[in-house]
């Protein structure tokens, strides 16, 4: 039936399998957009028939799942208790795929801004300087490394990107460490230290080489609470993005922003039509409101 509608064959047989024709490949390229639009339409119709209720699916990176996302959901629980939000923690590349597939309505992701290294150590967690919607959200290069060494995601230009905040890379130190007396630190000043690192460490190792040393790795852990505990017990120093730092508090540990390290730009990503769904609009509003700088979420000092 689909081939009759198109007026051309969509597949050809190859042995026991089939292969898409040029017409079939052209149609397949639009499948993600069509499926996402159908999902948006379904959710919008559900919202119209039950305006006081709603459901929304969110995918978010780890550091936002221990800070930004829980606070935003707490706000929604108080102001819109009828909304049902399902959260999936996922790497940015996975979240991007889920969004394209229509498996989630909204994603919280990040990339690096290599033009902004924030050498002054000004407060992180700030709103994007534009405060407006960017209709493309594309990066100049698909292989720009993020803070763990993985490439940033090349965002599909059909998606809408909503800036939330900028996020600094910090070093976790014992509170009485000599470097804790400075507002910021550099890797070169910490060349003789032991480190507890996440398994994704390509960019960090490259930065250490640029600073003239090879770090001594005392432990590997991908859990943020474990990293905090290892630093508190003087096993080594750690690096962590500020979103993750503010989710934990231990008086034995302080965080100091790294100089000459690109800040992360944290943003929400969604299909443009998704903003017509009341539940999605409410969640996005809560995320943007929560992302505003606040005196009650400082970097531990």
Protein backbone atom coordinates (compact mmCIF):
# COMPACT_ATOMS: atom_id res chain seq x y z
CA UNK A 1 0.00 0.00 0.00
CA UNK A 2 2.81 2.42 0.85
CA UNK A 3 4.54 1.72 -2.48
CA UNK A 4 1.27 2.42 -4.31
CA UNK A 5 0.98 5.75 -2.48
CA UNK A 6 4.56 6.67 -3.35
CA UNK A 7 4.30 5.41 -6.90
CA UNK A 8 7.66 3.67 -6.81
CA UNK A 9 9.20 0.49 -5.32
CA UNK A 10 10.69 1.04 -1.85
CA UNK A 11 12.64 -2.22 -1.48
CA UNK A 12 14.29 -4.77 -3.72
CA UNK A 13 15.09 -8.38 -2.86
CA UNK A 14 18.73 -9.39 -2.39
CA UNK A 15 19.01 -13.13 -1.79
CA UNK A 16 17.03 -13.84 1.39
CA UNK A 17 16.95 -10.21 2.44
CA UNK A 18 15.76 -6.88 1.09
CA UNK A 19 17.48 -3.58 0.30
CA UNK A 20 16.04 -0.08 0.23
CA UNK A 21 15.73 1.59 -3.15
CA UNK A 22 16.71 5.28 -3.50
CA UNK A 23 13.04 6.12 -2.99
CA UNK A 24 12.96 3.92 0.11
CA UNK A 25 16.06 5.58 1.57
CA UNK A 26 14.56 9.02 0.97
CA UNK A 27 11.39 8.01 2.81
CA UNK A 28 13.37 6.42 5.66
CA UNK A 29 15.23 9.68 6.27
CA UNK A 30 11.95 11.33 7.20
CA UNK A 31 10.67 8.49 9.39
CA UNK A 32 12.05 9.95 12.64
CA UNK A 33 10.40 13.31 12.01
CA UNK A 34 7.08 11.67 11.15
CA UNK A 35 7.08 9.41 14.21
CA UNK A 36 8.03 12.27 16.54
CA UNK A 37 5.26 14.44 15.07
CA UNK A 38 2.74 11.66 15.58
CA UNK A 39 3.86 11.28 19.21
CA UNK A 40 3.55 15.04 19.75
CA UNK A 41 0.08 14.99 18.26
CA UNK A 42 -0.91 12.09 20.51
CA UNK A 43 0.29 13.89 23.63
CA UNK A 44 -1.33 17.17 22.60
CA UNK A 45 -4.67 15.41 22.05
CA UNK A 46 -4.33 13.71 25.44
CA UNK A 47 -3.71 17.09 27.05
CA UNK A 48 -6.75 18.59 25.33
CA UNK A 49 -9.04 15.81 26.50
CA UNK A 50 -7.64 15.92 30.05
CA UNK A 51 -6.32 19.48 30.50
CA UNK A 52 -5.58 19.09 34.20
CA UNK A 53 -3.33 16.07 33.70
CA UNK A 54 -0.39 15.18 31.51
CA UNK A 55 2.64 12.97 31.11
CA UNK A 56 6.11 13.78 29.89
CA UNK A 57 9.27 11.73 29.39
CA UNK A 58 12.66 13.28 30.08
CA UNK A 59 16.16 12.00 29.35
CA UNK A 60 19.05 13.72 31.12
CA UNK A 61 22.80 13.40 31.65
CA UNK A 62 24.12 12.16 35.00
CA UNK A 63 25.25 15.44 36.55
CA UNK A 64 21.87 17.07 35.87
CA UNK A 65 20.11 14.05 37.39
CA UNK A 66 21.71 14.74 40.79
CA UNK A 67 21.05 18.47 40.82
CA UNK A 68 19.10 20.42 38.21
CA UNK A 69 16.49 17.79 37.31
CA UNK A 70 15.49 16.77 40.88
CA UNK A 71 15.07 20.42 41.90
CA UNK A 72 12.96 21.14 38.82
CA UNK A 73 10.80 18.07 39.48
CA UNK A 74 10.39 19.14 43.10
CA UNK A 75 9.06 22.47 41.90
CA UNK A 76 6.64 20.71 39.53
CA UNK A 77 5.48 18.41 42.33
CA UNK A 78 4.46 21.45 44.35
CA UNK A 79 2.96 23.52 41.54
CA UNK A 80 1.64 20.87 39.13
CA UNK A 81 1.16 17.68 41.16
CA UNK A 82 -1.06 16.17 38.45
CA UNK A 83 1.83 15.92 35.98
CA UNK A 84 3.54 12.56 35.53
CA UNK A 85 7.24 12.83 34.62
CA UNK A 86 9.34 9.79 33.74
CA UNK A 87 13.11 10.36 33.91
CA UNK A 88 15.81 8.34 32.15
CA UNK A 89 19.46 9.00 32.97
CA UNK A 90 21.52 8.70 29.79
CA UNK A 91 24.62 10.02 28.08
CA UNK A 92 24.00 12.94 25.75
CA UNK A 93 24.43 10.87 22.61
CA UNK A 94 21.83 8.38 23.83
CA UNK A 95 19.41 11.15 24.83
CA UNK A 96 19.73 12.68 21.37
CA UNK A 97 18.80 9.35 19.81
CA UNK A 98 15.84 8.85 22.14
CA UNK A 99 14.54 12.28 21.20
CA UNK A 100 14.84 11.57 17.48
CA UNK A 101 13.04 8.26 17.94
CA UNK A 102 10.18 9.89 19.84
CA UNK A 103 10.97 7.84 22.96
CA UNK A 104 11.23 11.02 25.08
CA UNK A 105 9.77 14.50 24.68
CA UNK A 106 12.63 16.46 26.19
CA UNK A 107 16.35 15.94 26.87
CA UNK A 108 18.87 17.76 29.07
CA UNK A 109 22.28 17.73 27.37
CA UNK A 110 25.53 19.68 27.15
CA UNK A 111 28.45 20.59 24.95
CA UNK A 112 31.70 22.50 25.45
CA UNK A 113 32.34 26.13 24.58
CA UNK A 114 36.03 26.30 23.63
CA UNK A 115 35.75 30.09 23.25
CA UNK A 116 34.89 30.50 26.93
CA UNK A 117 37.35 29.05 29.43
CA UNK A 118 36.10 31.23 32.30
CA UNK A 119 39.62 32.05 33.60
CA UNK A 120 38.21 34.50 36.14
CA UNK A 121 36.49 31.73 38.07
CA UNK A 122 33.16 33.56 38.01
CA UNK A 123 30.20 31.68 39.38
CA UNK A 124 29.00 28.72 37.36
CA UNK A 125 25.42 27.66 37.01
CA UNK A 126 24.56 30.86 35.17
CA UNK A 127 21.91 31.37 32.56
CA UNK A 128 23.03 31.43 28.94
CA UNK A 129 23.95 34.96 27.96
CA UNK A 130 21.24 35.13 25.33
CA UNK A 131 18.44 33.70 27.43
CA UNK A 132 16.63 32.96 24.18
CA UNK A 133 15.79 29.97 22.02
CA UNK A 134 18.34 28.75 19.47
CA UNK A 135 16.53 27.02 16.64
CA UNK A 136 19.53 25.00 15.48
CA UNK A 137 21.84 24.14 18.34
CA UNK A 138 24.47 22.79 15.97
CA UNK A 139 28.18 22.57 16.73
CA UNK A 140 30.98 23.57 14.38
CA UNK A 141 32.51 20.10 14.68
CA UNK A 142 31.05 16.72 15.54
CA UNK A 143 34.28 15.52 17.12
CA UNK A 144 34.73 18.24 19.75
CA UNK A 145 35.60 16.37 22.99
CA UNK A 146 33.54 16.87 26.10
CA UNK A 147 34.90 16.96 29.64
CA UNK A 148 35.19 13.17 29.81
CA UNK A 149 36.84 12.82 26.42
CA UNK A 150 33.75 11.79 24.43
CA UNK A 151 32.76 13.84 21.38
CA UNK A 152 30.01 16.40 21.77
CA UNK A 153 26.81 15.52 19.98
CA UNK A 154 26.14 17.11 16.60
CA UNK A 155 22.56 18.22 17.26
CA UNK A 156 19.99 17.53 14.55
CA UNK A 157 19.09 20.97 13.10
CA UNK A 158 15.38 20.12 13.18
CA UNK A 159 15.45 20.16 16.98
CA UNK A 160 15.11 23.25 19.17
CA UNK A 161 17.78 24.02 21.72
CA UNK A 162 16.87 25.98 24.88
CA UNK A 163 19.87 27.32 26.88
CA UNK A 164 19.77 26.54 30.60
CA UNK A 165 23.15 27.31 32.22
CA UNK A 166 26.92 27.13 31.95
CA UNK A 167 28.83 24.66 34.06
CA UNK A 168 32.49 24.77 35.13
CA UNK A 169 34.94 21.91 35.62
CA UNK A 170 36.22 21.81 39.21
CA UNK A 171 38.93 20.04 41.20
CA UNK A 172 37.84 18.40 44.46
CA UNK A 173 40.40 18.92 47.22
CA UNK A 174 40.68 18.13 50.93
CA UNK A 175 39.56 21.26 52.78
CA UNK A 176 43.01 21.83 54.28
CA UNK A 177 44.89 21.35 51.00
CA UNK A 178 47.20 24.35 50.27
CA UNK A 179 45.49 24.95 46.91
CA UNK A 180 42.13 25.31 48.68
CA UNK A 181 43.16 28.82 49.70
CA UNK A 182 42.96 29.98 46.07
CA UNK A 183 39.67 30.80 44.30
CA UNK A 184 40.77 28.79 41.22
CA UNK A 185 43.44 26.18 40.48
CA UNK A 186 45.46 25.08 37.47
CA UNK A 187 46.55 21.55 36.60
CA UNK A 188 50.20 22.63 36.49
CA UNK A 189 50.02 23.56 40.18
CA UNK A 190 48.78 20.04 41.01
CA UNK A 191 51.31 18.05 38.99
CA UNK A 192 52.63 16.11 41.97
CA UNK A 193 49.24 14.98 43.27
CA UNK A 194 47.53 11.60 43.15
CA UNK A 195 44.16 11.49 41.36
CA UNK A 196 40.91 9.55 41.53
CA UNK A 197 39.37 9.70 38.08
CA UNK A 198 36.34 8.60 36.13
CA UNK A 199 36.89 5.97 33.43
CA UNK A 200 36.20 8.61 30.76
CA UNK A 201 39.38 10.65 31.17
CA UNK A 202 40.78 11.29 27.68
CA UNK A 203 40.48 15.06 27.78
CA UNK A 204 41.85 15.27 31.33
CA UNK A 205 44.92 13.20 30.44
CA UNK A 206 45.51 15.36 27.37
CA UNK A 207 45.27 18.51 29.49
CA UNK A 208 47.79 17.08 31.96
CA UNK A 209 50.20 16.34 29.11
CA UNK A 210 49.79 19.91 27.91
CA UNK A 211 50.61 21.05 31.46
CA UNK A 212 53.81 19.01 31.39
CA UNK A 213 53.05 15.98 33.53
CA UNK A 214 51.42 12.54 33.64
CA UNK A 215 48.98 12.17 36.53
CA UNK A 216 49.41 9.46 39.14
CA UNK A 217 46.08 7.62 39.21
CA UNK A 218 45.24 6.18 42.62
CA UNK A 219 41.69 5.01 41.89
CA UNK A 220 39.02 4.86 39.19
CA UNK A 221 35.34 5.44 39.99
CA UNK A 222 32.34 6.59 37.95
CA UNK A 223 30.09 7.32 40.91
CA UNK A 224 30.14 10.92 42.12
CA UNK A 225 29.56 10.07 45.78
CA UNK A 226 32.47 7.62 45.62
CA UNK A 227 34.72 10.33 44.19
CA UNK A 228 33.76 12.68 47.02
CA UNK A 229 34.46 10.01 49.62
CA UNK A 230 37.85 9.14 48.15
CA UNK A 231 38.89 12.81 48.18
CA UNK A 232 37.57 13.26 51.73
CA UNK A 233 39.75 10.34 52.84
CA UNK A 234 42.83 11.74 51.05
CA UNK A 235 43.16 9.00 48.45
CA UNK A 236 43.61 11.62 45.76
CA UNK A 237 42.13 14.67 44.06
CA UNK A 238 39.24 14.46 41.61
CA UNK A 239 37.69 16.50 38.82
CA UNK A 240 33.96 17.01 38.51
CA UNK A 241 31.54 19.35 36.82
CA UNK A 242 29.95 21.93 39.07
CA UNK A 243 26.44 20.49 38.66
CA UNK A 244 27.69 17.30 40.30
CA UNK A 245 29.67 19.16 42.98
CA UNK A 246 26.64 21.03 44.32
CA UNK A 247 24.67 17.80 44.76
CA UNK A 248 26.95 16.62 47.59
CA UNK A 249 28.24 18.27 50.72
CA UNK A 250 31.10 17.07 52.88
CA UNK A 251 32.91 19.60 55.10
CA UNK A 252 36.18 17.72 54.45
CA UNK A 253 36.00 18.51 50.69
CA UNK A 254 36.12 21.80 48.76
CA UNK A 255 35.84 22.45 45.02
CA UNK A 256 37.87 24.95 43.05
CA UNK A 257 37.19 25.76 39.36
CA UNK A 258 39.92 24.85 36.91
CA UNK A 259 41.46 27.72 34.97
CA UNK A 260 41.74 27.53 31.19
CA UNK A 261 39.17 24.76 30.91
CA UNK A 262 36.15 25.16 28.62
CA UNK A 263 32.81 25.64 30.33
CA UNK A 264 29.96 23.31 29.49
CA UNK A 265 26.80 24.74 27.99
CA UNK A 266 23.82 22.86 29.43
CA UNK A 267 20.63 23.01 27.39
CA UNK A 268 17.24 21.42 26.90
CA UNK A 269 16.52 19.85 23.52
CA UNK A 270 13.13 19.10 22.01
CA UNK A 271 11.10 19.06 18.83
CA UNK A 272 9.64 22.56 18.25
CA UNK A 273 6.04 21.30 18.26
CA UNK A 274 6.56 19.76 21.70
CA UNK A 275 6.14 23.19 23.30
CA UNK A 276 2.43 22.94 22.38
CA UNK A 277 2.08 20.12 24.93
CA UNK A 278 1.19 21.73 28.30
CA UNK A 279 3.09 19.13 30.34
CA UNK A 280 6.26 19.64 28.26
CA UNK A 281 5.99 23.42 28.47
CA UNK A 282 5.55 23.20 32.25
CA UNK A 283 8.62 20.97 32.64
CA UNK A 284 10.75 23.23 30.45
CA UNK A 285 9.64 26.27 32.46
CA UNK A 286 10.60 24.50 35.69
CA UNK A 287 14.04 23.58 34.29
CA UNK A 288 14.75 27.14 33.15
CA UNK A 289 13.55 28.60 36.43
CA UNK A 290 15.65 26.13 38.45
CA UNK A 291 18.71 26.86 36.31
CA UNK A 292 18.78 30.52 37.38
CA UNK A 293 21.75 31.35 39.63
CA UNK A 294 20.96 30.97 43.31
CA UNK A 295 22.85 31.88 46.45
CA UNK A 296 21.81 28.62 48.08
CA UNK A 297 23.74 26.35 45.62
CA UNK A 298 27.35 27.61 45.76
CA UNK A 299 30.46 25.65 44.97
CA UNK A 300 31.56 24.10 48.31
CA UNK A 301 34.22 26.30 49.88
